[in-house]
């Protein structure tokens, strides 16, 4: 006599294998989605930093530090400007930083994007601190 159909055990084994595969695929999809959102946020922060830096450099007034302020359209992100003297005479460093304090990341400072630009000292309203910050000349030397 020929047996037709599947036993309950065979069906349960097939379902277990199918569920295991689906779980793996869904995990990969979730991870990919989180990374794409983080990349989009970082691209927006980069654009905000570049825009602010361009606006500051296009103005005919002297540059001043800007305290960290929220970025419009990017929740949890702030942007600020710090000015400090370079180790090169007559130059100041304009340091634009966008930062997101994200408790889900393993980085203590959260997610950070920074832009540096060197400008002549006459373009800067000299801050109170007159000493060069260590590491400010990181990119002063050619590679």
N, C-alpha and C. Protein backbone atom coordinates (compact mmCIF):
# COMPACT_ATOMS: atom_id res chain seq x y z
N UNK A 1 0.84 -1.16 0.00
CA UNK A 1 0.00 0.00 0.00
C UNK A 1 0.90 1.24 0.00
N UNK A 2 0.56 2.21 -0.89
CA UNK A 2 1.35 3.44 -1.01
C UNK A 2 0.78 4.52 -0.12
N UNK A 3 1.67 5.14 0.54
CA UNK A 3 1.28 6.21 1.47
C UNK A 3 1.23 7.54 0.71
N UNK A 4 0.16 8.30 0.89
CA UNK A 4 0.04 9.62 0.27
C UNK A 4 -0.04 10.66 1.38
N UNK A 5 0.60 11.83 1.13
CA UNK A 5 0.54 12.91 2.11
C UNK A 5 1.78 12.94 3.00
N UNK A 6 1.75 13.86 3.92
CA UNK A 6 2.87 14.08 4.84
C UNK A 6 2.42 13.82 6.26
N UNK A 7 3.36 13.42 7.06
CA UNK A 7 3.04 13.20 8.47
C UNK A 7 3.11 14.54 9.20
N UNK A 8 2.53 14.59 10.36
CA UNK A 8 2.53 15.80 11.18
C UNK A 8 3.97 16.21 11.51
N UNK A 9 4.82 15.25 11.78
CA UNK A 9 6.21 15.55 12.11
C UNK A 9 6.92 16.21 10.93
N UNK A 10 6.68 15.76 9.73
CA UNK A 10 7.31 16.37 8.54
C UNK A 10 6.83 17.81 8.34
N UNK A 11 5.56 18.04 8.57
CA UNK A 11 5.00 19.39 8.43
C UNK A 11 5.60 20.32 9.48
N UNK A 12 5.71 19.85 10.72
CA UNK A 12 6.29 20.67 11.79
C UNK A 12 7.77 20.99 11.51
N UNK A 13 8.50 20.03 10.99
CA UNK A 13 9.92 20.27 10.66
C UNK A 13 10.04 21.32 9.54
N UNK A 14 9.20 21.24 8.53
CA UNK A 14 9.22 22.20 7.42
C UNK A 14 8.87 23.60 7.92
N UNK A 15 7.87 23.69 8.80
CA UNK A 15 7.51 24.99 9.38
C UNK A 15 8.64 25.57 10.22
N UNK A 16 9.31 24.74 10.98
CA UNK A 16 10.42 25.21 11.81
C UNK A 16 11.55 25.77 10.94
N UNK A 17 11.86 25.08 9.87
CA UNK A 17 12.91 25.54 8.95
C UNK A 17 12.49 26.85 8.29
N UNK A 18 11.22 26.93 7.88
CA UNK A 18 10.70 28.15 7.26
C UNK A 18 10.75 29.33 8.23
N UNK A 19 10.33 29.13 9.47
CA UNK A 19 10.35 30.20 10.47
C UNK A 19 11.78 30.64 10.79
N UNK A 20 12.70 29.73 10.84
CA UNK A 20 14.10 30.07 11.09
C UNK A 20 14.64 30.95 9.96
N UNK A 21 14.33 30.60 8.73
CA UNK A 21 14.76 31.40 7.59
C UNK A 21 14.13 32.78 7.59
N UNK A 22 12.83 32.87 7.88
CA UNK A 22 12.15 34.16 7.94
C UNK A 22 12.70 35.05 9.05
N UNK A 23 13.02 34.46 10.19
CA UNK A 23 13.60 35.23 11.29
C UNK A 23 14.94 35.84 10.88
N UNK A 24 15.75 35.08 10.20
CA UNK A 24 17.05 35.58 9.74
C UNK A 24 16.86 36.70 8.73
N UNK A 25 15.96 36.55 7.80
CA UNK A 25 15.72 37.58 6.78
C UNK A 25 15.18 38.86 7.42
N UNK A 26 14.25 38.74 8.34
CA UNK A 26 13.70 39.92 9.01
C UNK A 26 14.77 40.64 9.85
N UNK A 27 15.65 39.89 10.48
CA UNK A 27 16.75 40.51 11.23
C UNK A 27 17.68 41.31 10.33
N UNK A 28 17.97 40.76 9.17
CA UNK A 28 18.82 41.47 8.21
C UNK A 28 18.12 42.72 7.70
N UNK A 29 16.83 42.61 7.44
CA UNK A 29 16.07 43.77 6.96
C UNK A 29 16.03 44.88 8.00
N UNK A 30 15.84 44.53 9.26
CA UNK A 30 15.80 45.52 10.33
C UNK A 30 17.14 46.22 10.47
N UNK A 31 18.22 45.47 10.44
CA UNK A 31 19.56 46.03 10.53
C UNK A 31 19.85 46.96 9.36
N UNK A 32 19.46 46.55 8.17
CA UNK A 32 19.66 47.38 6.98
C UNK A 32 18.87 48.67 7.07
N UNK A 33 17.65 48.59 7.56
CA UNK A 33 16.83 49.79 7.71
C UNK A 33 17.46 50.77 8.71
N UNK A 34 17.92 50.27 9.85
CA UNK A 34 18.55 51.12 10.85
C UNK A 34 19.78 51.81 10.29
N UNK A 35 20.58 51.09 9.53
CA UNK A 35 21.79 51.68 8.95
C UNK A 35 21.44 52.71 7.88
N UNK A 36 20.40 52.47 7.11
CA UNK A 36 20.04 53.45 6.09
C UNK A 36 19.49 54.73 6.72
N UNK A 37 18.75 54.61 7.81
CA UNK A 37 18.27 55.80 8.52
C UNK A 37 19.45 56.57 9.10
N UNK A 38 20.41 55.86 9.70
CA UNK A 38 21.60 56.52 10.26
C UNK A 38 22.41 57.22 9.16
N UNK A 39 22.53 56.60 8.01
CA UNK A 39 23.27 57.20 6.89
C UNK A 39 22.54 58.45 6.39
N UNK A 40 21.23 58.39 6.33
CA UNK A 40 20.46 59.55 5.88
C UNK A 40 20.60 60.70 6.88
N UNK A 41 20.56 60.39 8.18
CA UNK A 41 20.76 61.41 9.21
C UNK A 41 22.13 62.05 9.09
N UNK A 42 23.15 61.23 8.90
CA UNK A 42 24.51 61.74 8.80
C UNK A 42 24.67 62.61 7.55
N UNK A 43 24.03 62.22 6.46
CA UNK A 43 24.09 63.03 5.24
C UNK A 43 23.41 64.38 5.47
N UNK A 44 22.29 64.38 6.19
CA UNK A 44 21.59 65.63 6.51
C UNK A 44 22.46 66.51 7.42
N UNK A 45 23.13 65.89 8.39
CA UNK A 45 24.01 66.65 9.29
C UNK A 45 25.18 67.23 8.51
N UNK A 46 25.73 66.47 7.59
CA UNK A 46 26.83 66.95 6.76
C UNK A 46 26.37 68.16 5.94
N UNK A 47 25.20 68.07 5.36
CA UNK A 47 24.67 69.17 4.57
C UNK A 47 24.43 70.40 5.44
N UNK A 48 23.93 70.19 6.66
CA UNK A 48 23.71 71.31 7.58
C UNK A 48 25.03 71.99 7.95
N UNK A 49 26.07 71.19 8.22
CA UNK A 49 27.39 71.75 8.55
C UNK A 49 27.96 72.54 7.38
N UNK A 50 27.90 71.96 6.19
CA UNK A 50 28.44 72.64 5.01
C UNK A 50 27.67 73.92 4.71
N UNK A 51 26.35 73.88 4.86
CA UNK A 51 25.52 75.06 4.61
C UNK A 51 25.86 76.17 5.60
N UNK A 52 25.95 75.83 6.89
CA UNK A 52 26.28 76.83 7.90
C UNK A 52 27.66 77.42 7.65
N UNK A 53 28.63 76.58 7.34
CA UNK A 53 29.98 77.06 7.07
C UNK A 53 29.99 77.99 5.85
N UNK A 54 29.29 77.61 4.78
CA UNK A 54 29.21 78.47 3.60
C UNK A 54 28.55 79.81 3.91
N UNK A 55 27.48 79.77 4.72
CA UNK A 55 26.81 81.01 5.09
C UNK A 55 27.73 81.92 5.91
N UNK A 56 28.47 81.33 6.85
CA UNK A 56 29.38 82.12 7.67
C UNK A 56 30.48 82.75 6.82
N UNK A 57 31.05 81.97 5.92
CA UNK A 57 32.16 82.47 5.11
C UNK A 57 31.69 83.48 4.06
N UNK A 58 30.43 83.43 3.65
CA UNK A 58 29.91 84.36 2.65
C UNK A 58 29.59 85.72 3.25
N UNK A 59 29.40 85.79 4.55
CA UNK A 59 29.07 87.05 5.19
C UNK A 59 30.29 87.97 5.24
N UNK A 60 30.03 89.25 5.27
CA UNK A 60 31.10 90.23 5.33
C UNK A 60 31.41 90.66 6.76
N UNK A 61 30.84 89.97 7.74
CA UNK A 61 31.09 90.29 9.14
C UNK A 61 32.12 89.32 9.70
N UNK A 62 32.68 89.68 10.85
CA UNK A 62 33.65 88.80 11.49
C UNK A 62 32.93 87.59 12.09
N UNK A 63 33.61 86.46 12.03
CA UNK A 63 33.04 85.20 12.53
C UNK A 63 33.07 85.16 14.04
N UNK A 64 32.01 84.62 14.63
CA UNK A 64 31.91 84.46 16.08
C UNK A 64 31.50 83.02 16.40
N UNK A 65 31.85 82.55 17.59
CA UNK A 65 31.39 81.21 17.99
C UNK A 65 29.86 81.17 18.07
N UNK A 66 29.31 80.02 17.78
CA UNK A 66 27.85 79.82 17.87
C UNK A 66 27.63 78.63 18.79
N UNK A 67 26.88 78.82 19.88
CA UNK A 67 26.62 77.68 20.77
C UNK A 67 25.77 76.63 20.06
N UNK A 68 25.83 75.41 20.56
CA UNK A 68 25.07 74.30 19.96
C UNK A 68 23.59 74.62 19.99
N UNK A 69 22.97 74.58 18.81
CA UNK A 69 21.55 74.84 18.68
C UNK A 69 20.92 73.69 17.88
N UNK A 70 19.64 73.42 18.08
CA UNK A 70 18.99 72.34 17.34
C UNK A 70 18.99 72.60 15.83
N UNK A 71 19.10 71.54 15.06
CA UNK A 71 19.03 71.64 13.60
C UNK A 71 17.57 71.45 13.19
N UNK A 72 17.05 72.41 12.45
CA UNK A 72 15.66 72.34 12.00
C UNK A 72 15.49 71.13 11.07
N UNK A 73 14.51 70.31 11.36
CA UNK A 73 14.23 69.15 10.52
C UNK A 73 14.98 67.89 10.92
N UNK A 74 15.92 68.01 11.86
CA UNK A 74 16.65 66.83 12.34
C UNK A 74 16.49 66.73 13.86
N UNK A 75 15.53 65.95 14.30
CA UNK A 75 15.34 65.84 15.75
C UNK A 75 16.57 65.24 16.44
N UNK A 76 16.87 65.73 17.60
CA UNK A 76 17.97 65.26 18.45
C UNK A 76 19.34 65.70 17.95
N UNK A 77 19.45 66.44 16.85
CA UNK A 77 20.73 66.91 16.34
C UNK A 77 20.93 68.36 16.74
N UNK A 78 22.17 68.71 17.09
CA UNK A 78 22.53 70.10 17.34
C UNK A 78 23.71 70.46 16.45
N UNK A 79 23.89 71.77 16.23
CA UNK A 79 25.01 72.25 15.44
C UNK A 79 25.58 73.48 16.12
N UNK A 80 26.89 73.60 16.11
CA UNK A 80 27.55 74.73 16.73
C UNK A 80 28.88 75.02 16.05
N UNK A 81 29.42 76.20 16.35
CA UNK A 81 30.68 76.64 15.77
C UNK A 81 31.62 77.06 16.89
N UNK A 82 32.85 76.56 16.82
CA UNK A 82 33.90 76.94 17.76
C UNK A 82 35.04 77.52 16.94
N UNK A 83 35.63 78.59 17.44
CA UNK A 83 36.77 79.21 16.77
C UNK A 83 37.97 79.13 17.70
N UNK A 84 39.09 78.74 17.16
CA UNK A 84 40.31 78.75 17.97
C UNK A 84 41.52 78.99 17.09
N UNK A 85 42.57 79.55 17.68
CA UNK A 85 43.75 79.86 16.89
C UNK A 85 44.47 78.60 16.43
N UNK A 86 45.04 78.68 15.25
CA UNK A 86 45.84 77.59 14.73
C UNK A 86 47.27 77.79 15.20
N UNK A 87 48.09 76.77 15.06
CA UNK A 87 49.50 76.93 15.39
C UNK A 87 50.22 77.72 14.30
N UNK A 88 49.56 77.91 13.16
CA UNK A 88 50.10 78.74 12.08
C UNK A 88 49.75 80.19 12.37
N UNK A 89 50.71 81.05 12.29
CA UNK A 89 50.52 82.46 12.58
C UNK A 89 49.50 83.09 11.64
N UNK A 90 48.59 83.86 12.20
CA UNK A 90 47.62 84.59 11.41
C UNK A 90 46.41 83.80 10.97
N UNK A 91 46.28 82.54 11.39
CA UNK A 91 45.14 81.72 10.99
C UNK A 91 44.31 81.30 12.20
N UNK A 92 43.03 81.21 11.98
CA UNK A 92 42.12 80.67 12.98
C UNK A 92 41.41 79.46 12.37
N UNK A 93 41.00 78.54 13.23
CA UNK A 93 40.27 77.35 12.79
C UNK A 93 38.79 77.57 13.08
N UNK A 94 37.97 77.40 12.06
CA UNK A 94 36.51 77.41 12.21
C UNK A 94 36.10 75.95 12.26
N UNK A 95 35.53 75.56 13.38
CA UNK A 95 35.19 74.16 13.64
C UNK A 95 33.68 74.05 13.78
N UNK A 96 33.02 73.50 12.76
CA UNK A 96 31.56 73.32 12.77
C UNK A 96 31.27 71.87 13.14
N UNK A 97 30.43 71.68 14.16
CA UNK A 97 30.14 70.33 14.64
C UNK A 97 28.63 70.09 14.71
N UNK A 98 28.18 69.01 14.09
CA UNK A 98 26.81 68.54 14.25
C UNK A 98 26.88 67.28 15.10
N UNK A 99 26.01 67.19 16.10
CA UNK A 99 26.08 66.07 17.05
C UNK A 99 24.68 65.58 17.39
N UNK A 100 24.57 64.27 17.48
CA UNK A 100 23.33 63.64 17.92
C UNK A 100 23.66 62.73 19.09
N UNK A 101 23.11 63.05 20.24
CA UNK A 101 23.32 62.20 21.40
C UNK A 101 22.32 61.06 21.31
N UNK A 102 22.82 59.91 20.92
CA UNK A 102 21.98 58.75 20.67
C UNK A 102 22.30 57.67 21.71
N UNK A 103 21.36 57.34 22.59
CA UNK A 103 21.63 56.32 23.61
C UNK A 103 21.82 54.92 23.01
N UNK A 104 21.40 54.73 21.77
CA UNK A 104 21.51 53.41 21.15
C UNK A 104 22.89 53.14 20.56
N UNK A 105 23.73 54.16 20.49
CA UNK A 105 25.05 53.96 19.93
C UNK A 105 26.06 53.67 21.03
N UNK A 106 27.15 53.03 20.68
CA UNK A 106 28.17 52.69 21.67
C UNK A 106 29.19 53.81 21.83
N UNK A 107 29.07 54.87 21.03
CA UNK A 107 30.00 55.99 21.09
C UNK A 107 29.57 56.94 22.20
N UNK A 108 30.48 57.32 23.11
CA UNK A 108 30.10 58.17 24.24
C UNK A 108 29.64 59.56 23.83
N UNK A 109 30.16 60.10 22.72
CA UNK A 109 29.76 61.43 22.27
C UNK A 109 28.58 61.37 21.32
N UNK A 110 28.03 60.20 21.10
CA UNK A 110 26.95 60.06 20.15
C UNK A 110 27.49 60.05 18.73
N UNK A 111 26.66 60.46 17.80
CA UNK A 111 27.06 60.52 16.40
C UNK A 111 27.50 61.95 16.13
N UNK A 112 28.70 62.12 15.58
CA UNK A 112 29.27 63.45 15.39
C UNK A 112 29.77 63.60 13.96
N UNK A 113 29.49 64.77 13.38
CA UNK A 113 30.06 65.13 12.08
C UNK A 113 30.71 66.49 12.26
N UNK A 114 31.96 66.63 11.77
CA UNK A 114 32.70 67.86 11.97
C UNK A 114 33.31 68.35 10.66
N UNK A 115 33.34 69.67 10.50
CA UNK A 115 34.04 70.31 9.39
C UNK A 115 35.01 71.33 9.95
N UNK A 116 36.18 71.42 9.38
CA UNK A 116 37.18 72.41 9.78
C UNK A 116 37.52 73.28 8.59
N UNK A 117 37.73 74.55 8.84
CA UNK A 117 38.18 75.46 7.79
C UNK A 117 39.12 76.47 8.44
N UNK A 118 40.19 76.78 7.76
CA UNK A 118 41.14 77.77 8.23
C UNK A 118 40.82 79.09 7.57
N UNK A 119 40.76 80.15 8.39
CA UNK A 119 40.48 81.47 7.86
C UNK A 119 41.51 82.45 8.42
N UNK A 120 41.74 83.56 7.71
CA UNK A 120 42.67 84.57 8.23
C UNK A 120 42.14 85.15 9.53
N UNK A 121 43.04 85.55 10.39
CA UNK A 121 42.68 86.05 11.72
C UNK A 121 41.80 87.30 11.63
N UNK A 122 41.95 88.10 10.59
CA UNK A 122 41.14 89.32 10.48
C UNK A 122 39.67 89.03 10.17
N UNK A 123 39.31 87.79 9.82
CA UNK A 123 37.92 87.40 9.58
C UNK A 123 37.22 86.93 10.86
N UNK A 124 37.98 86.87 11.97
CA UNK A 124 37.45 86.28 13.20
C UNK A 124 37.38 87.32 14.30
N UNK A 125 36.26 87.29 15.03
CA UNK A 125 36.17 88.06 16.27
C UNK A 125 36.88 87.22 17.32
N UNK A 126 38.07 87.66 17.72
CA UNK A 126 38.96 86.83 18.53
C UNK A 126 38.29 86.44 19.84
N UNK A 127 38.17 85.12 20.10
CA UNK A 127 37.59 84.67 21.37
C UNK A 127 38.51 84.97 22.54
N UNK A 128 38.00 84.74 23.73
CA UNK A 128 38.76 85.03 24.96
C UNK A 128 40.03 84.21 25.06
N UNK A 129 39.98 82.94 24.66
CA UNK A 129 41.13 82.05 24.79
C UNK A 129 42.09 82.34 23.64
N UNK A 130 43.34 82.66 23.96
CA UNK A 130 44.32 83.01 22.94
C UNK A 130 45.29 81.89 22.61
N UNK A 131 45.24 80.78 23.35
CA UNK A 131 46.20 79.72 23.10
C UNK A 131 45.66 78.70 22.10
N UNK A 132 46.57 78.12 21.35
CA UNK A 132 46.18 77.11 20.37
C UNK A 132 45.78 75.84 21.08
N UNK A 133 44.73 75.21 20.63
CA UNK A 133 44.26 73.96 21.20
C UNK A 133 45.07 72.83 20.61
N UNK A 134 45.48 71.89 21.44
CA UNK A 134 46.26 70.75 20.96
C UNK A 134 45.47 69.98 19.91
N UNK A 135 46.13 69.70 18.81
CA UNK A 135 45.47 68.99 17.72
C UNK A 135 44.85 69.93 16.71
N UNK A 136 44.87 71.24 16.99
CA UNK A 136 44.27 72.20 16.06
C UNK A 136 45.02 72.25 14.74
N UNK A 137 46.29 71.88 14.78
CA UNK A 137 47.11 71.92 13.57
C UNK A 137 47.20 70.56 12.90
N UNK A 138 46.26 69.69 13.22
CA UNK A 138 46.29 68.32 12.71
C UNK A 138 46.45 68.26 11.20
N UNK A 139 45.78 69.17 10.51
CA UNK A 139 45.84 69.15 9.06
C UNK A 139 46.66 70.29 8.49
N UNK A 140 47.43 71.00 9.33
CA UNK A 140 48.24 72.10 8.86
C UNK A 140 49.40 71.61 7.98
N UNK A 141 49.91 70.43 8.27
CA UNK A 141 51.06 69.90 7.53
C UNK A 141 50.56 69.12 6.33
N UNK A 142 51.25 69.23 5.18
CA UNK A 142 50.84 68.44 4.02
C UNK A 142 51.09 66.96 4.26
N UNK A 143 50.31 66.14 3.60
CA UNK A 143 50.44 64.69 3.78
C UNK A 143 51.61 64.17 3.00
